[in-house]
Amino acid sequence: MSGDKTELLTLVRRGGIAPIKEVLRRGASANAQDTNGQTALIIATSFCNEEVVSLLLKCKAKTDSKGKNGETALSVAAQKGYENIAKLLLLHGASPNGPNIRGKSALSQAVTCGNSSMIALLLKHGATTNVLCANGDTALTFAAGNNYIEIAQLLLSAGTPADQIGSSTRTSLFRAVVNGHAKMVKLLMDHGANPNRQDSQSISPMLLAVQNGNNDILHIFSQFGYFYQPQGLGIGRTVAAFAAVDFMTTIGNMT
């Protein structure tokens, strides 16, 4: 039987469907794994062999078996953008929410790759959005920091809180502001983001925008009724406070 297992995994890598059927007929398990923990299904998925994936699934291959690094066939499909295979796996019961390992869920893989159509597919099948990417971002904070507008819209429409934070204390809005993504800021504000929410260092998106002199973003905040309120405008007031006064003067001159 071990010979059949080795033969099956070799054939799956080669991709010939007829010999794979034969070795399965002889009794090789569709759930065979190599020494690195890669299942036949994960291997077939990584080679984008839809026909072999379909055959293995018909032979009762377990969809959610994990490889050595915590990946599943679905997370591999999501990472590589193989939507047809992802649909097949989901149709055969693959969980859109496993495994619970940072950066290894199907959704986090799709977000990291900027694949909006894959994300839409996963959300349609019930994927939750509170997953962590490999760098500690959530799906939304990663999208915000990288200005993935369409992906952020999908995540927000699925009910993701606009002020969601990852493993740090910085919100999606903070990530958008620090990178100067004004359109993303507007999108997050439309969904209720709070520019005064501070991180662990007492820095808010509002203060960050003031410090960076980003008047476009400050103007967006003002449209939602948020204005910078500097503390202690005496002799020792900060550069940020001066910038805020200059901004408010500019807004006043515009009205």
C-alpha atoms as a PDB file:
ATOM      1  CA  MET A   1       0.000   0.000   0.000  1.00  0.00           C
ATOM      2  CA  SER A   2       2.878   2.405   0.737  1.00  0.00           C
ATOM      3  CA  GLY A   3       4.033   1.842  -2.836  1.00  0.00           C
ATOM      4  CA  ASP A   4       0.601   2.826  -4.125  1.00  0.00           C
ATOM      5  CA  LYS A   5       0.724   5.948  -1.961  1.00  0.00           C
ATOM      6  CA  THR A   6       4.105   6.985  -3.337  1.00  0.00           C
ATOM      7  CA  GLU A   7       2.980   6.221  -6.860  1.00  0.00           C
ATOM      8  CA  LEU A   8      -0.227   8.218  -6.419  1.00  0.00           C
ATOM      9  CA  LEU A   9       1.600  11.320  -5.199  1.00  0.00           C
ATOM     10  CA  THR A  10       4.105  11.036  -8.031  1.00  0.00           C
ATOM     11  CA  LEU A  11       1.318  10.701 -10.582  1.00  0.00           C
ATOM     12  CA  VAL A  12      -0.618  13.633  -9.103  1.00  0.00           C
ATOM     13  CA  ARG A  13       2.451  15.806  -9.603  1.00  0.00           C
ATOM     14  CA  ARG A  14       2.708  14.602 -13.197  1.00  0.00           C
ATOM     15  CA  GLY A  15      -1.003  15.107 -13.814  1.00  0.00           C
ATOM     16  CA  GLY A  16      -1.938  12.047 -15.882  1.00  0.00           C
ATOM     17  CA  ILE A  17      -5.572  11.246 -15.104  1.00  0.00           C
ATOM     18  CA  ALA A  18      -5.734   7.622 -16.385  1.00  0.00           C
ATOM     19  CA  PRO A  19      -2.854   6.245 -14.266  1.00  0.00           C
ATOM     20  CA  ILE A  20      -4.203   8.130 -11.232  1.00  0.00           C
ATOM     21  CA  LYS A  21      -7.555   6.417 -11.682  1.00  0.00           C
ATOM     22  CA  GLU A  22      -5.779   3.055 -11.894  1.00  0.00           C
ATOM     23  CA  VAL A  23      -3.753   3.500  -8.721  1.00  0.00           C
ATOM     24  CA  LEU A  24      -6.853   4.670  -6.873  1.00  0.00           C
ATOM     25  CA  ARG A  25      -8.723   1.612  -8.180  1.00  0.00           C
ATOM     26  CA  ARG A  26      -5.988  -0.557  -6.728  1.00  0.00           C
ATOM     27  CA  GLY A  27      -6.669   0.885  -3.304  1.00  0.00           C
ATOM     28  CA  ALA A  28      -4.447   3.928  -2.874  1.00  0.00           C
ATOM     29  CA  SER A  29      -6.010   6.457  -0.518  1.00  0.00           C
ATOM     30  CA  ALA A  30      -7.153   9.767  -1.982  1.00  0.00           C
ATOM     31  CA  ASN A  31      -5.950  11.264   1.320  1.00  0.00           C
ATOM     32  CA  ALA A  32      -2.328  10.210   0.862  1.00  0.00           C
ATOM     33  CA  GLN A  33       0.265  12.668   2.194  1.00  0.00           C
ATOM     34  CA  ASP A  34       3.942  13.082   1.414  1.00  0.00           C
ATOM     35  CA  THR A  35       6.711  13.517   4.013  1.00  0.00           C
ATOM     36  CA  ASN A  36       6.039  17.281   4.114  1.00  0.00           C
ATOM     37  CA  GLY A  37       2.388  16.751   4.989  1.00  0.00           C
ATOM     38  CA  GLN A  38       1.147  17.749   1.538  1.00  0.00           C
ATOM     39  CA  THR A  39      -1.990  15.832   0.604  1.00  0.00           C
ATOM     40  CA  ALA A  40      -2.706  14.642  -2.908  1.00  0.00           C
ATOM     41  CA  LEU A  41      -5.510  17.235  -3.037  1.00  0.00           C
ATOM     42  CA  ILE A  42      -3.219  20.089  -2.023  1.00  0.00           C
ATOM     43  CA  ILE A  43      -0.638  18.982  -4.591  1.00  0.00           C
ATOM     44  CA  ALA A  44      -3.224  18.748  -7.383  1.00  0.00           C
ATOM     45  CA  THR A  45      -4.538  22.176  -6.422  1.00  0.00           C
ATOM     46  CA  SER A  46      -1.084  23.734  -6.426  1.00  0.00           C
ATOM     47  CA  PHE A  47      -0.571  22.419  -9.969  1.00  0.00           C
ATOM     48  CA  CYS A  48      -3.989  23.811 -10.987  1.00  0.00           C
ATOM     49  CA  ASN A  49      -5.116  20.408 -12.202  1.00  0.00           C
ATOM     50  CA  GLU A  50      -8.876  20.751 -12.016  1.00  0.00           C
ATOM     51  CA  GLU A  51      -9.504  17.279 -13.473  1.00  0.00           C
ATOM     52  CA  VAL A  52      -7.358  15.571 -10.836  1.00  0.00           C
ATOM     53  CA  VAL A  53      -8.889  17.674  -8.050  1.00  0.00           C
ATOM     54  CA  SER A  54     -12.349  16.626  -9.210  1.00  0.00           C
ATOM     55  CA  LEU A  55     -11.309  12.951  -9.295  1.00  0.00           C
ATOM     56  CA  LEU A  56      -9.808  13.058  -5.799  1.00  0.00           C
ATOM     57  CA  LEU A  57     -12.934  14.726  -4.434  1.00  0.00           C
ATOM     58  CA  LYS A  58     -15.114  12.029  -5.984  1.00  0.00           C
ATOM     59  CA  CYS A  59     -12.867   9.500  -4.225  1.00  0.00           C
ATOM     60  CA  LYS A  60     -13.637  11.159  -0.869  1.00  0.00           C
ATOM     61  CA  ALA A  61     -10.488  13.215  -0.438  1.00  0.00           C
ATOM     62  CA  LYS A  62     -10.817  15.305   2.719  1.00  0.00           C
ATOM     63  CA  THR A  63     -11.142  18.927   1.680  1.00  0.00           C
ATOM     64  CA  ASP A  64      -9.838  20.485   4.895  1.00  0.00           C
ATOM     65  CA  SER A  65      -6.740  18.385   5.554  1.00  0.00           C
ATOM     66  CA  LYS A  66      -3.810  20.632   6.434  1.00  0.00           C
ATOM     67  CA  GLY A  67      -0.316  20.608   5.032  1.00  0.00           C
ATOM     68  CA  LYS A  68       2.840  21.052   7.095  1.00  0.00           C
ATOM     69  CA  ASN A  69       2.486  24.837   7.219  1.00  0.00           C
ATOM     70  CA  GLY A  70      -1.238  24.860   7.981  1.00  0.00           C
ATOM     71  CA  GLU A  71      -2.421  25.359   4.404  1.00  0.00           C
ATOM     72  CA  THR A  72      -5.455  23.615   2.935  1.00  0.00           C
ATOM     73  CA  ALA A  73      -6.336  22.971  -0.693  1.00  0.00           C
ATOM     74  CA  LEU A  74      -8.753  25.927  -0.547  1.00  0.00           C
ATOM     75  CA  SER A  75      -6.189  28.327   0.894  1.00  0.00           C
ATOM     76  CA  VAL A  76      -3.739  27.260  -1.819  1.00  0.00           C
ATOM     77  CA  ALA A  77      -6.394  27.858  -4.484  1.00  0.00           C
ATOM     78  CA  ALA A  78      -7.122  31.274  -2.976  1.00  0.00           C
ATOM     79  CA  GLN A  79      -3.451  32.217  -2.881  1.00  0.00           C
ATOM     80  CA  LYS A  80      -2.897  31.237  -6.505  1.00  0.00           C
ATOM     81  CA  GLY A  81      -6.201  32.609  -7.796  1.00  0.00           C
ATOM     82  CA  TYR A  82      -7.587  29.288  -9.023  1.00  0.00           C
ATOM     83  CA  GLU A  83     -11.274  30.162  -8.808  1.00  0.00           C
ATOM     84  CA  ASN A  84     -12.666  27.104 -10.599  1.00  0.00           C
ATOM     85  CA  ILE A  85     -10.843  24.815  -8.193  1.00  0.00           C
ATOM     86  CA  ALA A  86     -11.967  26.929  -5.241  1.00  0.00           C
ATOM     87  CA  LYS A  87     -15.567  26.530  -6.409  1.00  0.00           C
ATOM     88  CA  LEU A  88     -15.104  22.760  -6.670  1.00  0.00           C
ATOM     89  CA  LEU A  89     -13.659  22.561  -3.172  1.00  0.00           C
ATOM     90  CA  LEU A  90     -16.427  24.690  -1.686  1.00  0.00           C
ATOM     91  CA  LEU A  91     -19.045  22.600  -3.490  1.00  0.00           C
ATOM     92  CA  HIS A  92     -17.574  19.506  -1.817  1.00  0.00           C
ATOM     93  CA  GLY A  93     -17.701  21.010   1.644  1.00  0.00           C
ATOM     94  CA  ALA A  94     -14.409  22.836   2.098  1.00  0.00           C
ATOM     95  CA  SER A  95     -14.637  25.289   4.976  1.00  0.00           C
ATOM     96  CA  PRO A  96     -14.179  28.913   3.877  1.00  0.00           C
ATOM     97  CA  ASN A  97     -13.004  29.718   7.423  1.00  0.00           C
ATOM     98  CA  GLY A  98     -10.271  27.178   8.057  1.00  0.00           C
ATOM     99  CA  PRO A  99      -7.617  26.806   9.143  1.00  0.00           C
ATOM    100  CA  ASN A 100      -7.415  29.281  12.015  1.00  0.00           C
ATOM    101  CA  ILE A 101      -3.744  30.060  11.455  1.00  0.00           C
ATOM    102  CA  ARG A 102      -2.577  33.624  10.820  1.00  0.00           C
ATOM    103  CA  GLY A 103      -2.106  34.197   7.136  1.00  0.00           C
ATOM    104  CA  LYS A 104      -3.228  30.710   6.098  1.00  0.00           C
ATOM    105  CA  SER A 105      -6.987  31.116   5.772  1.00  0.00           C
ATOM    106  CA  ALA A 106      -8.382  31.264   2.261  1.00  0.00           C
ATOM    107  CA  LEU A 107      -9.672  34.816   2.785  1.00  0.00           C
ATOM    108  CA  SER A 108      -6.402  36.168   4.159  1.00  0.00           C
ATOM    109  CA  GLN A 109      -4.548  34.606   1.232  1.00  0.00           C
ATOM    110  CA  ALA A 110      -6.947  36.163  -1.269  1.00  0.00           C
ATOM    111  CA  VAL A 111      -6.724  39.576   0.404  1.00  0.00           C
ATOM    112  CA  THR A 112      -2.936  39.477   0.473  1.00  0.00           C
ATOM    113  CA  CYS A 113      -2.975  38.759  -3.270  1.00  0.00           C
ATOM    114  CA  GLY A 114      -5.534  41.507  -3.944  1.00  0.00           C
ATOM    115  CA  ASN A 115      -7.963  39.048  -5.548  1.00  0.00           C
ATOM    116  CA  SER A 116     -11.396  40.662  -5.250  1.00  0.00           C
ATOM    117  CA  SER A 117     -13.299  38.019  -7.240  1.00  0.00           C
ATOM    118  CA  MET A 118     -11.910  35.241  -5.025  1.00  0.00           C
ATOM    119  CA  ILE A 119     -12.879  37.249  -1.946  1.00  0.00           C
ATOM    120  CA  ALA A 120     -16.413  37.698  -3.297  1.00  0.00           C
ATOM    121  CA  LEU A 121     -16.638  33.930  -3.837  1.00  0.00           C
ATOM    122  CA  LEU A 122     -15.433  33.148  -0.314  1.00  0.00           C
ATOM    123  CA  LEU A 123     -17.761  35.690   1.275  1.00  0.00           C
ATOM    124  CA  LYS A 124     -20.669  34.245  -0.692  1.00  0.00           C
ATOM    125  CA  HIS A 125     -19.912  30.871   0.910  1.00  0.00           C
ATOM    126  CA  GLY A 126     -19.804  32.279   4.426  1.00  0.00           C
ATOM    127  CA  ALA A 127     -16.195  33.293   5.006  1.00  0.00           C
ATOM    128  CA  THR A 128     -15.777  35.433   8.102  1.00  0.00           C
ATOM    129  CA  THR A 129     -13.741  38.613   7.786  1.00  0.00           C
ATOM    130  CA  ASN A 130     -12.002  38.687  11.171  1.00  0.00           C
ATOM    131  CA  VAL A 131      -8.991  36.753   9.904  1.00  0.00           C
ATOM    132  CA  LEU A 132      -5.382  37.787  10.318  1.00  0.00           C
ATOM    133  CA  CYS A 133      -2.917  38.089   7.470  1.00  0.00           C
ATOM    134  CA  ALA A 134       0.698  37.013   7.900  1.00  0.00           C
ATOM    135  CA  ASN A 135       1.821  40.539   8.864  1.00  0.00           C
ATOM    136  CA  GLY A 136      -0.779  40.845  11.626  1.00  0.00           C
ATOM    137  CA  ASP A 137      -3.252  42.950   9.662  1.00  0.00           C
ATOM    138  CA  THR A 138      -6.875  41.939   9.420  1.00  0.00           C
ATOM    139  CA  ALA A 139      -8.346  41.589   5.960  1.00  0.00           C
ATOM    140  CA  LEU A 140      -9.714  45.136   6.166  1.00  0.00           C
ATOM    141  CA  THR A 141      -6.646  46.811   7.655  1.00  0.00           C
ATOM    142  CA  PHE A 142      -4.536  45.153   4.943  1.00  0.00           C
ATOM    143  CA  ALA A 143      -6.939  46.331   2.230  1.00  0.00           C
ATOM    144  CA  ALA A 144      -6.976  49.850   3.692  1.00  0.00           C
ATOM    145  CA  GLY A 145      -3.206  50.081   3.895  1.00  0.00           C
ATOM    146  CA  ASN A 146      -2.796  48.901   0.310  1.00  0.00           C
ATOM    147  CA  ASN A 147      -5.654  50.986  -1.104  1.00  0.00           C
ATOM    148  CA  TYR A 148      -7.648  47.980  -2.309  1.00  0.00           C
ATOM    149  CA  ILE A 149     -10.901  49.903  -2.683  1.00  0.00           C
ATOM    150  CA  GLU A 150     -12.991  47.121  -4.223  1.00  0.00           C
ATOM    151  CA  ILE A 151     -11.856  44.620  -1.606  1.00  0.00           C
ATOM    152  CA  ALA A 152     -12.572  47.045   1.221  1.00  0.00           C
ATOM    153  CA  GLN A 153     -16.062  47.610  -0.198  1.00  0.00           C
ATOM    154  CA  LEU A 154     -16.691  43.854  -0.235  1.00  0.00           C
ATOM    155  CA  LEU A 155     -15.477  43.446   3.342  1.00  0.00           C
ATOM    156  CA  LEU A 156     -17.467  46.411   4.637  1.00  0.00           C
ATOM    157  CA  SER A 157     -20.603  45.243   2.830  1.00  0.00           C
ATOM    158  CA  ALA A 158     -20.135  41.867   4.543  1.00  0.00           C
ATOM    159  CA  GLY A 159     -20.398  43.602   7.910  1.00  0.00           C
ATOM    160  CA  THR A 160     -16.761  44.181   8.814  1.00  0.00           C
ATOM    161  CA  PRO A 161     -16.511  47.051  11.350  1.00  0.00           C
ATOM    162  CA  ALA A 162     -14.855  50.072   9.755  1.00  0.00           C
ATOM    163  CA  ASP A 163     -12.647  50.531  12.833  1.00  0.00           C
ATOM    164  CA  GLN A 164     -11.438  46.940  12.900  1.00  0.00           C
ATOM    165  CA  ILE A 165      -7.887  46.516  14.191  1.00  0.00           C
ATOM    166  CA  GLY A 166      -5.342  43.765  13.673  1.00  0.00           C
ATOM    167  CA  SER A 167      -2.693  42.546  16.080  1.00  0.00           C
ATOM    168  CA  SER A 168      -1.601  46.168  16.562  1.00  0.00           C
ATOM    169  CA  THR A 169      -3.910  48.837  17.952  1.00  0.00           C
ATOM    170  CA  ARG A 170      -4.146  50.713  14.668  1.00  0.00           C
ATOM    171  CA  THR A 171      -7.441  50.815  12.852  1.00  0.00           C
ATOM    172  CA  SER A 172      -8.179  50.452   9.163  1.00  0.00           C
ATOM    173  CA  LEU A 173      -8.610  54.241   9.019  1.00  0.00           C
ATOM    174  CA  PHE A 174      -5.182  54.754  10.571  1.00  0.00           C
ATOM    175  CA  ARG A 175      -3.651  52.464   7.932  1.00  0.00           C
ATOM    176  CA  ALA A 176      -5.350  54.453   5.172  1.00  0.00           C
ATOM    177  CA  VAL A 177      -4.270  57.814   6.603  1.00  0.00           C
ATOM    178  CA  VAL A 178      -0.637  56.828   7.164  1.00  0.00           C
ATOM    179  CA  ASN A 179      -0.415  55.936   3.463  1.00  0.00           C
ATOM    180  CA  GLY A 180      -2.345  59.000   2.293  1.00  0.00           C
ATOM    181  CA  HIS A 181      -5.184  57.036   0.657  1.00  0.00           C
ATOM    182  CA  ALA A 182      -7.898  59.704   0.564  1.00  0.00           C
ATOM    183  CA  LYS A 183     -10.473  57.623  -1.355  1.00  0.00           C
ATOM    184  CA  MET A 184     -10.076  54.803   1.150  1.00  0.00           C
ATOM    185  CA  VAL A 185     -10.477  57.291   3.996  1.00  0.00           C
ATOM    186  CA  LYS A 186     -13.747  58.506   2.456  1.00  0.00           C
ATOM    187  CA  LEU A 187     -15.001  54.921   2.073  1.00  0.00           C
ATOM    188  CA  LEU A 188     -14.210  54.071   5.696  1.00  0.00           C
ATOM    189  CA  MET A 189     -15.785  57.296   6.941  1.00  0.00           C
ATOM    190  CA  ASP A 190     -18.928  56.470   4.950  1.00  0.00           C
ATOM    191  CA  HIS A 191     -19.102  53.259   7.003  1.00  0.00           C
ATOM    192  CA  GLY A 192     -18.696  54.925  10.376  1.00  0.00           C
ATOM    193  CA  ALA A 193     -14.944  55.002  11.026  1.00  0.00           C
ATOM    194  CA  ASN A 194     -13.847  57.256  13.904  1.00  0.00           C
ATOM    195  CA  PRO A 195     -10.835  59.492  13.131  1.00  0.00           C
ATOM    196  CA  ASN A 196     -10.340  60.239  16.846  1.00  0.00           C
ATOM    197  CA  ARG A 197      -9.739  56.635  17.892  1.00  0.00           C
ATOM    198  CA  GLN A 198      -6.208  56.445  19.299  1.00  0.00           C
ATOM    199  CA  ASP A 199      -3.638  53.697  19.054  1.00  0.00           C
ATOM    200  CA  SER A 200      -1.469  52.503  21.968  1.00  0.00           C
ATOM    201  CA  GLN A 201       0.777  55.551  21.501  1.00  0.00           C
ATOM    202  CA  SER A 202      -2.186  57.969  21.756  1.00  0.00           C
ATOM    203  CA  ILE A 203      -2.017  58.823  18.062  1.00  0.00           C
ATOM    204  CA  SER A 204      -5.310  59.041  16.188  1.00  0.00           C
ATOM    205  CA  PRO A 205      -5.924  59.151  12.424  1.00  0.00           C
ATOM    206  CA  MET A 206      -6.909  62.806  12.941  1.00  0.00           C
ATOM    207  CA  LEU A 207      -3.642  63.712  14.657  1.00  0.00           C
ATOM    208  CA  LEU A 208      -1.678  61.749  12.083  1.00  0.00           C
ATOM    209  CA  ALA A 209      -3.322  63.639   9.229  1.00  0.00           C
ATOM    210  CA  VAL A 210      -2.516  66.939  10.963  1.00  0.00           C
ATOM    211  CA  GLN A 211       1.099  65.965  11.562  1.00  0.00           C
ATOM    212  CA  ASN A 212       1.451  64.928   7.920  1.00  0.00           C
ATOM    213  CA  GLY A 213      -0.213  68.110   6.707  1.00  0.00           C
ATOM    214  CA  ASN A 214      -2.720  66.082   4.680  1.00  0.00           C
ATOM    215  CA  ASN A 215      -5.415  68.654   4.081  1.00  0.00           C
ATOM    216  CA  ASP A 216      -7.341  66.449   1.651  1.00  0.00           C
ATOM    217  CA  ILE A 217      -7.933  63.915   4.386  1.00  0.00           C
ATOM    218  CA  LEU A 218      -8.621  66.580   7.013  1.00  0.00           C
ATOM    219  CA  HIS A 219     -11.224  68.048   4.677  1.00  0.00           C
ATOM    220  CA  ILE A 220     -12.906  64.630   4.423  1.00  0.00           C
ATOM    221  CA  PHE A 221     -13.003  64.449   8.227  1.00  0.00           C
ATOM    222  CA  SER A 222     -14.569  67.908   8.362  1.00  0.00           C
ATOM    223  CA  GLN A 223     -17.329  66.778   5.983  1.00  0.00           C
ATOM    224  CA  PHE A 224     -18.335  64.233   8.618  1.00  0.00           C
ATOM    225  CA  GLY A 225     -18.231  66.796  11.424  1.00  0.00           C
ATOM    226  CA  TYR A 226     -14.775  65.932  12.786  1.00  0.00           C
ATOM    227  CA  PHE A 227     -12.302  68.746  13.447  1.00  0.00           C
ATOM    228  CA  TYR A 228      -8.960  68.641  15.193  1.00  0.00           C
ATOM    229  CA  GLN A 229      -9.147  69.910  18.768  1.00  0.00           C
ATOM    230  CA  PRO A 230      -5.582  70.783  19.848  1.00  0.00           C
ATOM    231  CA  GLN A 231      -4.743  70.626  23.543  1.00  0.00           C
ATOM    232  CA  GLY A 232      -3.164  73.636  25.262  1.00  0.00           C
ATOM    233  CA  LEU A 233      -2.670  76.320  22.640  1.00  0.00           C
ATOM    234  CA  GLY A 234      -0.244  78.289  24.840  1.00  0.00           C
ATOM    235  CA  ILE A 235       3.398  79.125  24.252  1.00  0.00           C
ATOM    236  CA  GLY A 236       4.302  75.448  24.055  1.00  0.00           C
ATOM    237  CA  ARG A 237       1.722  74.399  21.468  1.00  0.00           C
ATOM    238  CA  THR A 238       2.911  71.765  19.034  1.00  0.00           C
ATOM    239  CA  VAL A 239       3.630  71.861  15.330  1.00  0.00           C
ATOM    240  CA  ALA A 240       0.516  69.712  14.942  1.00  0.00           C
ATOM    241  CA  ALA A 241      -1.558  72.380  16.646  1.00  0.00           C
ATOM    242  CA  PHE A 242      -0.203  75.077  14.317  1.00  0.00           C
ATOM    243  CA  ALA A 243      -0.996  72.876  11.350  1.00  0.00           C
ATOM    244  CA  ALA A 244      -4.525  72.383  12.638  1.00  0.00           C
ATOM    245  CA  VAL A 245      -5.032  76.144  13.005  1.00  0.00           C
ATOM    246  CA  ASP A 246      -3.721  76.692   9.456  1.00  0.00           C
ATOM    247  CA  PHE A 247      -6.113  74.027   8.172  1.00  0.00           C
ATOM    248  CA  MET A 248      -9.103  75.526   9.987  1.00  0.00           C
ATOM    249  CA  THR A 249      -8.181  78.947   8.584  1.00  0.00           C
ATOM    250  CA  THR A 250      -8.103  77.452   5.102  1.00  0.00           C
ATOM    251  CA  ILE A 251     -11.514  75.852   5.602  1.00  0.00           C
ATOM    252  CA  GLY A 252     -12.858  79.159   6.911  1.00  0.00           C
ATOM    253  CA  ASN A 253     -11.625  80.989   3.812  1.00  0.00           C
ATOM    254  CA  MET A 254     -13.302  78.395   1.590  1.00  0.00           C
ATOM    255  CA  THR A 255     -16.750  78.992   3.088  1.00  0.00           C
END
